[in-house]
Each structure stands twice: as structure tokens, then as C-alpha cells.
Amino acid sequence: MLVGMNYANRISRLLVFAALTLSVSVVSPQPPKAVVPDWTFAVSGDSRNCGDFVMPVIAARVKAEGDAFYWHLGDFRAIYALDQDLVAMEPAGKTLTKDRYQVIAWGDFLKHQLAPFDDLPVFLGRGNHEAIAPMTRDGYIAKFATYLNRPEITEQNAKDGVGAAPKGSPWFHVMRNGVDFITLDNSTKDEFSDAQLAWLRSVLDRDLAAGSGVTTIVAGMHEALPHSTSSSHAMDDWPRGMQTGEQVYKWFAAAQTAGKHVYLLASHSHFYSPAIYDTPFWQQAGMVLPGVIIGSAGAHRYLLSAMAAPGSKTHVYGYLQAAVHADGTITFTMLEVSEAEMIASKWPNAPLAAIYECYAHNSD
């Protein structure tokens, strides 16, 4: 009997131990998820006038920083007049006519401003100077087809299916690590067109759908949406721009209310200015969105708006470096370009006097 009781007790103890072991194994903590490291991209716009001297510096910087891509928000060359940098690099004694300049202007942009990026992905937005005669929308699509049909864009269009942007369209979007990067075209007075609005609505609907995996929406465009701190030089300038720009802004505000991190980037005004939508109009509507103007890639620099937020800068060249964090938030830092860097990165035929003139005097 004693042997039987000892055996029974041993079995009982083993059962209890097994139960405890099972319980511990069930509630034991899971291995921590790998932390997604921050990653960065770069953005700026308005590289006309002196961009041949500024953009090579930006290219060198973003490659050295390991930025994922560079995003240009439009106005590559002046078109209505000759760019100072291009003229300065013409052979001595050669007179460049306006007609000849307009033939070579976009080729100069490709050679002196985009080529330095080498194989780093570059995405292009269309500015209003890309629509100055004799430049046209069709000419833009043809000239920059390589950039408007990058693999990232065509792959995204294939995923979008029926709602995809047209091939080679100046408006498109790409996804990266849960961030939807949307390039809009508001370079002409017929924008936003009905076609672009329908496309944008379909993109946002997919982003907002359950299980989309999208945490963040970043929209880049040339002109700021209405009622910004730079409203005197933005989509407020024409009736359709005001109407459709307000509509698009409200769509982005609704996406933020739905829980997405939303950021709006523009150029067109030739300075750096943060918090551009923290204005009485959008404050009263309860729809303030994070927004930045970064039109500092070489264009003639403007005086700051009287409404410009603290920290705004002009009479400088530079770009935004954007750090995307694991939670989908983004931190934007304005990085300036120095005259010394412009000299160090200069083209062999770029006169030092022309670089100094661009750095010191290309401004209001």
C-alpha cells in the first residue's frame, strides 16, 4: 500500500510540474520585434537660375548620407529667360540666343543637375516653369520619360490596376515601408484636373482601407495648397486652384483624422519655411496639417512672407533631409549648402566669379 501511495504521489507531483511548465510556456514573453531603423530621403525644388552650381552639392550630400531617394518638386530651368549658371558655362566668346537656350535648357538640367545623382533614385515633380512656352506637358512627358517611368512607379501602377496613373503621368505615387509618396501636378491653371482628382481619391481610398499597411502619407507638389503662409504665391492665385486645392487639402486632413501621419511639401516660393498651414484659416477649420516649403535648390531667392513661421530662411540654398521613424512619423531638417561646397563640386567650366555671384547676389 505504501509503495502504491508513493507512486501515486510521484505521478501527482509530475502532473503538477507538467501543468506548471505548460503554463509558463504559454505566458512566456515573445522575442521582441526587430526595431525598424530610421531611414531618410531628401527633397527640394526650384533649381533654375543657379541650380547647375547647387544641385551637384545636393547630390553629393544625399549620396554620402545614404538617403533612399531625392525628390525634386519642379522648376528645373527658367525658360522665360536665360539661367545665369548655364550662360556662365558657355564657351568664351559664344553668344547664346534665347531660342537656342530653350532648345538646350532641359538637356542642361539632365546633364548638370540630375546626372550627379548617378544611380540614386530621383523622382520629379512638374513646376510652372516646365509649362512656359515653348515647353509643353507632352514635351515634358517625352523628355523626362526615364524618370516618370521609373521601376518604382511602374510597379506601383501595376499594383493599382484600374485606378493607376497613366503611363508617364506627371502625377504618380510610390510606396516605401508603409509610406505613400504622392507626387501631384499643379503647374498649370487647369489643375487639379478632374482626372487627377479621381486618381488621387482612389489612392487615398486604398491608403485608408483596412489592412493597407500605410501609416504615413507624404504629398509633394510645386505650389502650396490654398491658405498657406505663402498664399500670395500658391494655388490661391487662380479660381480652379483655390477650389480644387481646398478640396484636396480637406481630403488629406480627413486622412490625418483617420489616423494617418500626413505631410505636405511644396516649393514655388524660393525659400525654406516650415508650418506653412498653421494659419488662421486652417486653425479655425480645425485642420492644420504639417507642411513645408523648400524652394531653395538654386532659384532666385525671395523675401520671406510676412506670415512665415519662426525658423524660416531665405538667401540660402539647401534641401530637406527627412527622417522616417519606426512609428511612421517624419522629422524634416533643412540642410544648407555653402559656397565652399559649390566650389568643391563645380563643373570644370564653371567660373568662380559666377559661383560667387549666384551665392551672394541671386536674391531679392
Protein backbone atom coordinates (compact mmCIF):
# COMPACT_ATOMS: atom_id res chain seq x y z
CA MET A 1 0.00 0.00 0.00
CA LEU A 2 2.84 2.40 0.92
CA VAL A 3 4.53 1.70 -2.39
CA GLY A 4 1.30 2.42 -4.20
CA MET A 5 0.83 5.70 -2.33
CA ASN A 6 4.42 6.76 -3.09
CA TYR A 7 3.89 6.01 -6.76
CA ALA A 8 0.60 7.90 -6.77
CA ASN A 9 2.22 10.90 -5.08
CA ARG A 10 5.07 10.87 -7.59
CA ILE A 11 2.68 10.80 -10.52
CA SER A 12 0.68 13.62 -8.96
CA ARG A 13 3.80 15.72 -8.50
CA LEU A 14 4.86 15.07 -12.11
CA LEU A 15 1.42 16.12 -13.37
CA VAL A 16 1.56 19.31 -11.34
CA PHE A 17 5.09 20.05 -12.66
CA ALA A 18 3.96 19.44 -16.23
CA ALA A 19 0.99 21.74 -15.79
CA LEU A 20 3.18 24.48 -14.37
CA THR A 21 5.67 24.04 -17.18
CA LEU A 22 2.89 24.26 -19.78
CA SER A 23 1.50 27.35 -18.08
CA VAL A 24 4.89 29.03 -18.06
CA SER A 25 5.49 28.18 -21.70
CA VAL A 26 2.15 29.70 -22.70
CA VAL A 27 2.64 33.00 -20.91
CA SER A 28 6.37 33.38 -21.51
CA PRO A 29 7.14 36.62 -23.40
CA GLN A 30 7.67 36.51 -27.15
CA PRO A 31 11.02 37.58 -28.57
CA PRO A 32 10.99 41.36 -29.06
CA LYS A 33 10.16 42.53 -32.54
CA ALA A 34 13.07 43.87 -34.51
CA VAL A 35 13.16 47.68 -34.34
CA VAL A 36 12.86 49.21 -37.80
CA PRO A 37 15.70 51.72 -38.08
CA ASP A 38 15.07 55.26 -39.22
CA TRP A 39 15.65 55.87 -42.90
CA THR A 40 15.95 59.11 -44.82
CA PHE A 41 15.08 60.77 -48.10
CA ALA A 42 15.84 64.24 -49.49
CA VAL A 43 13.63 66.83 -51.17
CA SER A 44 13.82 70.33 -52.60
CA GLY A 45 12.59 72.30 -55.56
CA ASP A 46 13.27 75.31 -57.78
CA SER A 47 16.74 74.77 -59.21
CA ARG A 48 16.52 77.30 -62.03
CA ASN A 49 18.95 80.24 -62.27
CA CYS A 50 21.85 78.72 -60.29
CA GLY A 51 20.92 75.05 -59.91
CA ASP A 52 23.87 73.85 -62.00
CA PHE A 53 26.06 75.04 -59.11
CA VAL A 54 23.79 73.97 -56.22
CA MET A 55 22.38 70.61 -57.31
CA PRO A 56 25.76 68.80 -57.61
CA VAL A 57 26.31 69.62 -53.93
CA ILE A 58 22.88 68.27 -53.00
CA ALA A 59 23.61 65.11 -55.00
CA ALA A 60 26.94 64.59 -53.26
CA ARG A 61 25.33 65.15 -49.88
CA VAL A 62 22.39 62.79 -50.30
CA LYS A 63 24.62 60.02 -51.64
CA ALA A 64 27.01 60.41 -48.72
CA GLU A 65 24.11 60.46 -46.25
CA GLY A 66 22.66 57.26 -47.65
CA ASP A 67 19.29 58.86 -48.38
CA ALA A 68 16.88 56.48 -50.09
CA PHE A 69 15.98 58.90 -52.88
CA TYR A 70 15.86 62.54 -53.95
CA TRP A 71 12.56 64.26 -54.80
CA HIS A 72 12.58 67.40 -56.99
CA LEU A 73 9.41 69.50 -56.75
CA GLY A 74 9.75 71.37 -60.03
CA ASP A 75 11.11 74.44 -61.86
CA PHE A 76 14.24 72.99 -63.43
CA ARG A 77 15.19 75.91 -65.70
CA ALA A 78 13.80 79.45 -66.01
CA ILE A 79 12.74 79.11 -69.70
CA TYR A 80 11.33 82.68 -69.90
CA ALA A 81 14.91 83.98 -69.58
CA LEU A 82 18.42 82.52 -69.67
CA ASP A 83 19.71 80.88 -66.48
CA GLN A 84 22.85 82.55 -65.12
CA ASP A 85 24.69 79.28 -64.45
CA LEU A 86 24.14 77.91 -67.94
CA VAL A 87 25.27 81.16 -69.57
CA ALA A 88 28.37 81.31 -67.36
CA MET A 89 29.49 77.86 -68.56
CA GLU A 90 29.13 78.65 -72.25
CA PRO A 91 32.43 78.74 -74.19
CA ALA A 92 34.14 82.14 -74.18
CA GLY A 93 33.01 84.38 -76.99
CA LYS A 94 29.88 82.35 -77.74
CA THR A 95 26.55 84.18 -77.64
CA LEU A 96 23.60 82.08 -76.55
CA THR A 97 20.30 83.17 -78.06
CA LYS A 98 17.03 82.69 -76.24
CA ASP A 99 15.77 80.35 -78.95
CA ARG A 100 18.87 78.18 -78.66
CA TYR A 101 18.69 78.30 -74.86
CA GLN A 102 15.13 76.97 -74.87
CA VAL A 103 16.23 74.06 -77.04
CA ILE A 104 19.05 73.03 -74.68
CA ALA A 105 17.62 74.04 -71.28
CA TRP A 106 16.12 70.69 -70.24
CA GLY A 107 19.15 68.82 -71.57
CA ASP A 108 21.33 71.06 -69.41
CA PHE A 109 19.20 70.19 -66.39
CA LEU A 110 19.67 66.48 -67.06
CA LYS A 111 23.42 66.84 -67.58
CA HIS A 112 24.39 69.27 -64.84
CA GLN A 113 21.75 68.71 -62.17
CA LEU A 114 20.47 65.12 -62.34
CA ALA A 115 23.48 63.20 -63.67
CA PRO A 116 25.45 63.77 -60.42
CA PHE A 117 22.94 61.57 -58.56
CA ASP A 118 24.27 58.59 -60.53
CA ASP A 119 22.08 55.55 -59.74
CA LEU A 120 20.34 57.08 -56.70
CA PRO A 121 16.56 57.11 -57.38
CA VAL A 122 15.30 60.57 -58.36
CA PHE A 123 11.60 61.47 -58.60
CA LEU A 124 10.46 64.56 -60.47
CA GLY A 125 7.54 66.91 -59.92
CA ARG A 126 6.45 69.37 -62.60
CA GLY A 127 6.70 73.09 -61.92
CA ASN A 128 5.07 76.07 -63.59
CA HIS A 129 8.30 76.86 -65.48
CA GLU A 130 8.01 73.45 -67.14
CA ALA A 131 4.83 74.82 -68.73
CA ILE A 132 6.24 78.12 -70.09
CA ALA A 133 6.14 78.22 -73.90
CA PRO A 134 7.59 76.60 -75.88
CA MET A 135 7.61 73.88 -73.20
CA THR A 136 4.50 71.68 -73.06
CA ARG A 137 3.07 68.87 -70.99
CA ASP A 138 3.64 66.37 -73.81
CA GLY A 139 7.20 67.62 -74.24
CA TYR A 140 7.79 67.20 -70.51
CA ILE A 141 6.48 63.62 -70.53
CA ALA A 142 8.69 62.76 -73.51
CA LYS A 143 11.87 64.45 -72.23
CA PHE A 144 11.69 63.00 -68.74
CA ALA A 145 10.17 59.63 -69.60
CA THR A 146 13.02 57.75 -67.89
CA TYR A 147 12.20 59.45 -64.59
CA LEU A 148 8.40 59.35 -64.95
CA ASN A 149 8.53 55.62 -65.68
CA ARG A 150 11.00 54.57 -63.01
CA PRO A 151 10.63 50.92 -61.92
CA GLU A 152 9.11 52.00 -58.58
CA ILE A 153 6.40 53.94 -60.41
CA THR A 154 5.56 51.26 -62.97
CA GLU A 155 5.46 48.60 -60.25
CA GLN A 156 3.07 50.70 -58.19
CA ASN A 157 0.87 51.35 -61.23
CA ALA A 158 0.69 47.60 -61.83
CA LYS A 159 -0.45 47.06 -58.23
CA ASP A 160 -3.04 49.84 -58.51
CA GLY A 161 -4.58 48.23 -61.58
CA VAL A 162 -7.65 50.01 -62.92
CA GLY A 163 -7.05 53.11 -60.78
CA ALA A 164 -3.41 53.54 -61.81
CA ALA A 165 -1.97 56.80 -63.09
CA PRO A 166 -1.46 56.94 -66.87
CA LYS A 167 1.95 55.83 -68.14
CA GLY A 168 4.44 58.68 -67.89
CA SER A 169 2.00 60.88 -65.99
CA PRO A 170 3.35 63.97 -64.15
CA TRP A 171 1.31 62.76 -61.16
CA PHE A 172 2.07 59.38 -59.62
CA HIS A 173 2.79 57.68 -56.30
CA VAL A 174 5.19 55.12 -54.86
CA MET A 175 5.18 53.15 -51.59
CA ARG A 176 8.11 52.51 -49.30
CA ASN A 177 8.00 50.94 -45.82
CA GLY A 178 4.39 51.90 -45.14
CA VAL A 179 4.78 55.45 -46.51
CA ASP A 180 2.82 56.55 -49.58
CA PHE A 181 4.72 59.25 -51.50
CA ILE A 182 2.29 61.13 -53.74
CA THR A 183 3.54 63.50 -56.45
CA LEU A 184 0.89 65.98 -57.58
CA ASP A 185 0.88 68.28 -60.62
CA ASN A 186 -0.45 71.81 -60.04
CA SER A 187 1.82 73.53 -62.54
CA THR A 188 -0.92 74.91 -64.79
CA LYS A 189 -4.23 76.69 -64.30
CA ASP A 190 -6.29 73.66 -65.38
CA GLU A 191 -5.17 71.75 -62.28
CA PHE A 192 -6.17 69.97 -60.33
CA SER A 193 -7.93 68.36 -63.28
CA ASP A 194 -10.90 66.04 -62.84
CA ALA A 195 -8.71 63.14 -63.94
CA GLN A 196 -6.03 63.90 -61.34
CA LEU A 197 -8.64 64.34 -58.62
CA ALA A 198 -10.26 61.00 -59.43
CA TRP A 199 -6.86 59.31 -59.34
CA LEU A 200 -5.89 60.94 -56.03
CA ARG A 201 -9.20 59.95 -54.45
CA SER A 202 -8.62 56.33 -55.43
CA VAL A 203 -5.09 56.41 -54.00
CA LEU A 204 -6.31 57.82 -50.67
CA ASP A 205 -9.18 55.33 -50.51
CA ARG A 206 -6.71 52.47 -50.84
CA ASP A 207 -4.44 54.03 -48.21
CA LEU A 208 -7.37 54.33 -45.79
CA ALA A 209 -8.68 50.83 -46.37
CA ALA A 210 -8.31 48.33 -43.54
CA GLY A 211 -5.12 46.33 -43.85
CA SER A 212 -3.47 48.71 -46.31
CA GLY A 213 -0.30 48.81 -44.24
CA VAL A 214 0.02 52.54 -44.91
CA THR A 215 0.93 54.54 -41.82
CA THR A 216 2.05 57.76 -43.49
CA ILE A 217 1.10 59.91 -46.47
CA VAL A 218 3.55 62.44 -47.90
CA ALA A 219 2.32 64.62 -50.76
CA GLY A 220 4.79 66.66 -52.80
CA MET A 221 3.73 69.36 -55.26
CA HIS A 222 5.15 72.51 -56.79
CA GLU A 223 2.71 75.14 -55.48
CA ALA A 224 1.42 75.09 -51.93
CA LEU A 225 -2.26 74.32 -51.39
CA PRO A 226 -4.51 77.30 -50.53
CA HIS A 227 -4.41 79.33 -47.32
CA SER A 228 -0.76 78.69 -46.51
CA THR A 229 1.64 81.26 -45.12
CA SER A 230 2.71 81.76 -48.76
CA SER A 231 -0.82 82.17 -50.13
CA SER A 232 0.19 85.14 -52.30
CA HIS A 233 2.28 82.77 -54.44
CA ALA A 234 0.43 79.45 -54.45
CA MET A 235 -2.77 77.72 -55.66
CA ASP A 236 -4.74 80.67 -54.28
CA ASP A 237 -3.73 82.52 -57.47
CA TRP A 238 -6.45 81.09 -59.75
CA PRO A 239 -10.10 80.06 -59.23
CA ARG A 240 -9.76 76.37 -60.03
CA GLY A 241 -6.61 76.21 -57.97
CA MET A 242 -8.43 77.64 -54.97
CA GLN A 243 -11.43 75.34 -55.37
CA THR A 244 -9.62 72.08 -56.05
CA GLY A 245 -6.73 72.91 -53.75
CA GLU A 246 -9.10 73.34 -50.80
CA GLN A 247 -10.80 70.07 -51.70
CA VAL A 248 -7.51 68.18 -51.82
CA TYR A 249 -6.35 69.73 -48.55
CA LYS A 250 -9.55 68.58 -46.84
CA TRP A 251 -9.01 65.06 -48.18
CA PHE A 252 -5.56 65.00 -46.61
CA ALA A 253 -6.96 66.43 -43.37
CA ALA A 254 -9.54 63.63 -43.29
CA ALA A 255 -6.74 61.10 -43.72
CA GLN A 256 -4.98 62.60 -40.71
CA THR A 257 -8.20 62.42 -38.69
CA ALA A 258 -8.44 58.76 -39.69
CA GLY A 259 -5.09 58.13 -38.01
CA LYS A 260 -2.55 58.55 -40.80
CA HIS A 261 0.53 60.70 -40.43
CA VAL A 262 0.17 63.31 -43.20
CA TYR A 263 2.82 65.74 -44.50
CA LEU A 264 2.52 68.26 -47.36
CA LEU A 265 5.62 69.50 -49.19
CA ALA A 266 5.88 72.28 -51.79
CA SER A 267 8.34 74.68 -53.36
CA HIS A 268 7.48 77.54 -55.82
CA SER A 269 8.35 80.17 -53.19
CA HIS A 270 12.13 80.40 -53.18
CA PHE A 271 12.88 79.99 -49.50
CA TYR A 272 12.59 77.49 -46.67
CA SER A 273 9.53 77.77 -44.45
CA PRO A 274 8.02 75.23 -42.01
CA ALA A 275 4.49 75.08 -40.52
CA ILE A 276 3.02 76.67 -43.64
CA TYR A 277 -0.56 75.54 -42.94
CA ASP A 278 -0.64 76.70 -39.33
CA THR A 279 -2.70 79.71 -40.44
CA PRO A 280 -5.91 81.34 -39.13
CA PHE A 281 -7.97 79.78 -41.95
CA TRP A 282 -6.98 76.19 -41.22
CA GLN A 283 -6.82 76.79 -37.47
CA GLN A 284 -10.45 77.91 -37.49
CA ALA A 285 -11.39 74.84 -39.54
CA GLY A 286 -9.51 72.60 -37.10
CA MET A 287 -7.50 71.17 -39.99
CA VAL A 288 -3.88 72.25 -39.51
CA LEU A 289 -1.54 69.83 -41.32
CA PRO A 290 2.26 69.70 -41.20
CA GLY A 291 3.62 71.43 -44.27
CA VAL A 292 6.94 72.77 -45.53
CA ILE A 293 8.07 74.96 -48.43
CA ILE A 294 11.55 74.14 -49.70
CA GLY A 295 12.26 76.14 -52.88
CA SER A 296 15.98 76.56 -52.26
CA ALA A 297 17.79 74.47 -54.87
CA GLY A 298 19.22 77.37 -56.90
CA ALA A 299 16.39 79.72 -57.89
CA HIS A 300 16.44 83.49 -57.34
CA ARG A 301 15.70 83.78 -53.63
CA TYR A 302 12.60 85.64 -52.46
CA LEU A 303 11.93 87.70 -49.37
CA LEU A 304 10.09 85.74 -46.70
CA SER A 305 6.34 86.04 -46.39
CA ALA A 306 5.16 88.27 -43.55
CA MET A 307 3.33 85.19 -42.23
CA ALA A 308 6.37 82.90 -42.35
CA ALA A 309 6.82 80.77 -39.24
CA PRO A 310 9.81 81.13 -36.93
CA GLY A 311 12.79 79.25 -38.28
CA SER A 312 12.08 80.18 -41.91
CA LYS A 313 15.14 81.10 -44.00
CA THR A 314 15.88 82.83 -47.26
CA HIS A 315 19.05 83.96 -49.05
CA VAL A 316 20.25 80.38 -48.55
CA TYR A 317 20.47 77.26 -50.71
CA GLY A 318 19.65 73.84 -49.40
CA TYR A 319 17.25 70.91 -49.15
CA LEU A 320 15.23 68.94 -46.63
CA GLN A 321 16.51 65.72 -45.19
CA ALA A 322 13.52 63.75 -43.94
CA ALA A 323 13.99 61.05 -41.30
CA VAL A 324 11.21 58.45 -41.28
CA HIS A 325 10.79 56.88 -37.85
CA ALA A 326 9.52 53.41 -36.94
CA ASP A 327 6.12 54.78 -35.87
CA GLY A 328 5.57 56.46 -39.24
CA THR A 329 6.30 60.00 -38.09
CA ILE A 330 8.78 62.07 -40.09
CA THR A 331 11.24 64.71 -38.93
CA PHE A 332 12.33 67.31 -41.50
CA THR A 333 15.66 69.11 -41.23
CA MET A 334 16.74 71.92 -43.55
CA LEU A 335 20.38 71.46 -44.57
CA GLU A 336 22.15 74.44 -46.13
CA VAL A 337 24.65 74.39 -49.00
CA SER A 338 27.78 76.52 -48.59
CA GLU A 339 29.75 78.46 -51.17
CA ALA A 340 32.79 76.31 -50.40
CA GLU A 341 30.80 73.19 -51.29
CA MET A 342 29.62 74.80 -54.53
CA ILE A 343 33.25 75.46 -55.45
CA ALA A 344 34.35 71.95 -54.45
CA SER A 345 31.59 70.36 -56.59
CA LYS A 346 31.80 72.78 -59.50
CA TRP A 347 31.87 71.77 -63.13
CA PRO A 348 35.30 72.28 -64.79
CA ASN A 349 33.97 75.13 -66.94
CA ALA A 350 32.14 76.90 -64.11
CA PRO A 351 33.82 80.27 -63.37
CA LEU A 352 34.44 81.02 -59.69
CA ALA A 353 33.08 84.52 -60.21
CA ALA A 354 29.76 83.09 -61.43
CA ILE A 355 29.51 80.80 -58.39
CA TYR A 356 30.18 83.75 -56.08
CA GLU A 357 27.56 85.83 -57.91
CA CYS A 358 24.98 83.06 -57.51
CA TYR A 359 25.81 82.52 -53.86
CA ALA A 360 25.96 86.16 -52.79
CA HIS A 361 23.55 88.01 -55.07
CA ASN A 362 20.90 85.67 -56.54
CA SER A 363 18.14 87.12 -54.35
CA ASP A 364 15.67 89.93 -53.80
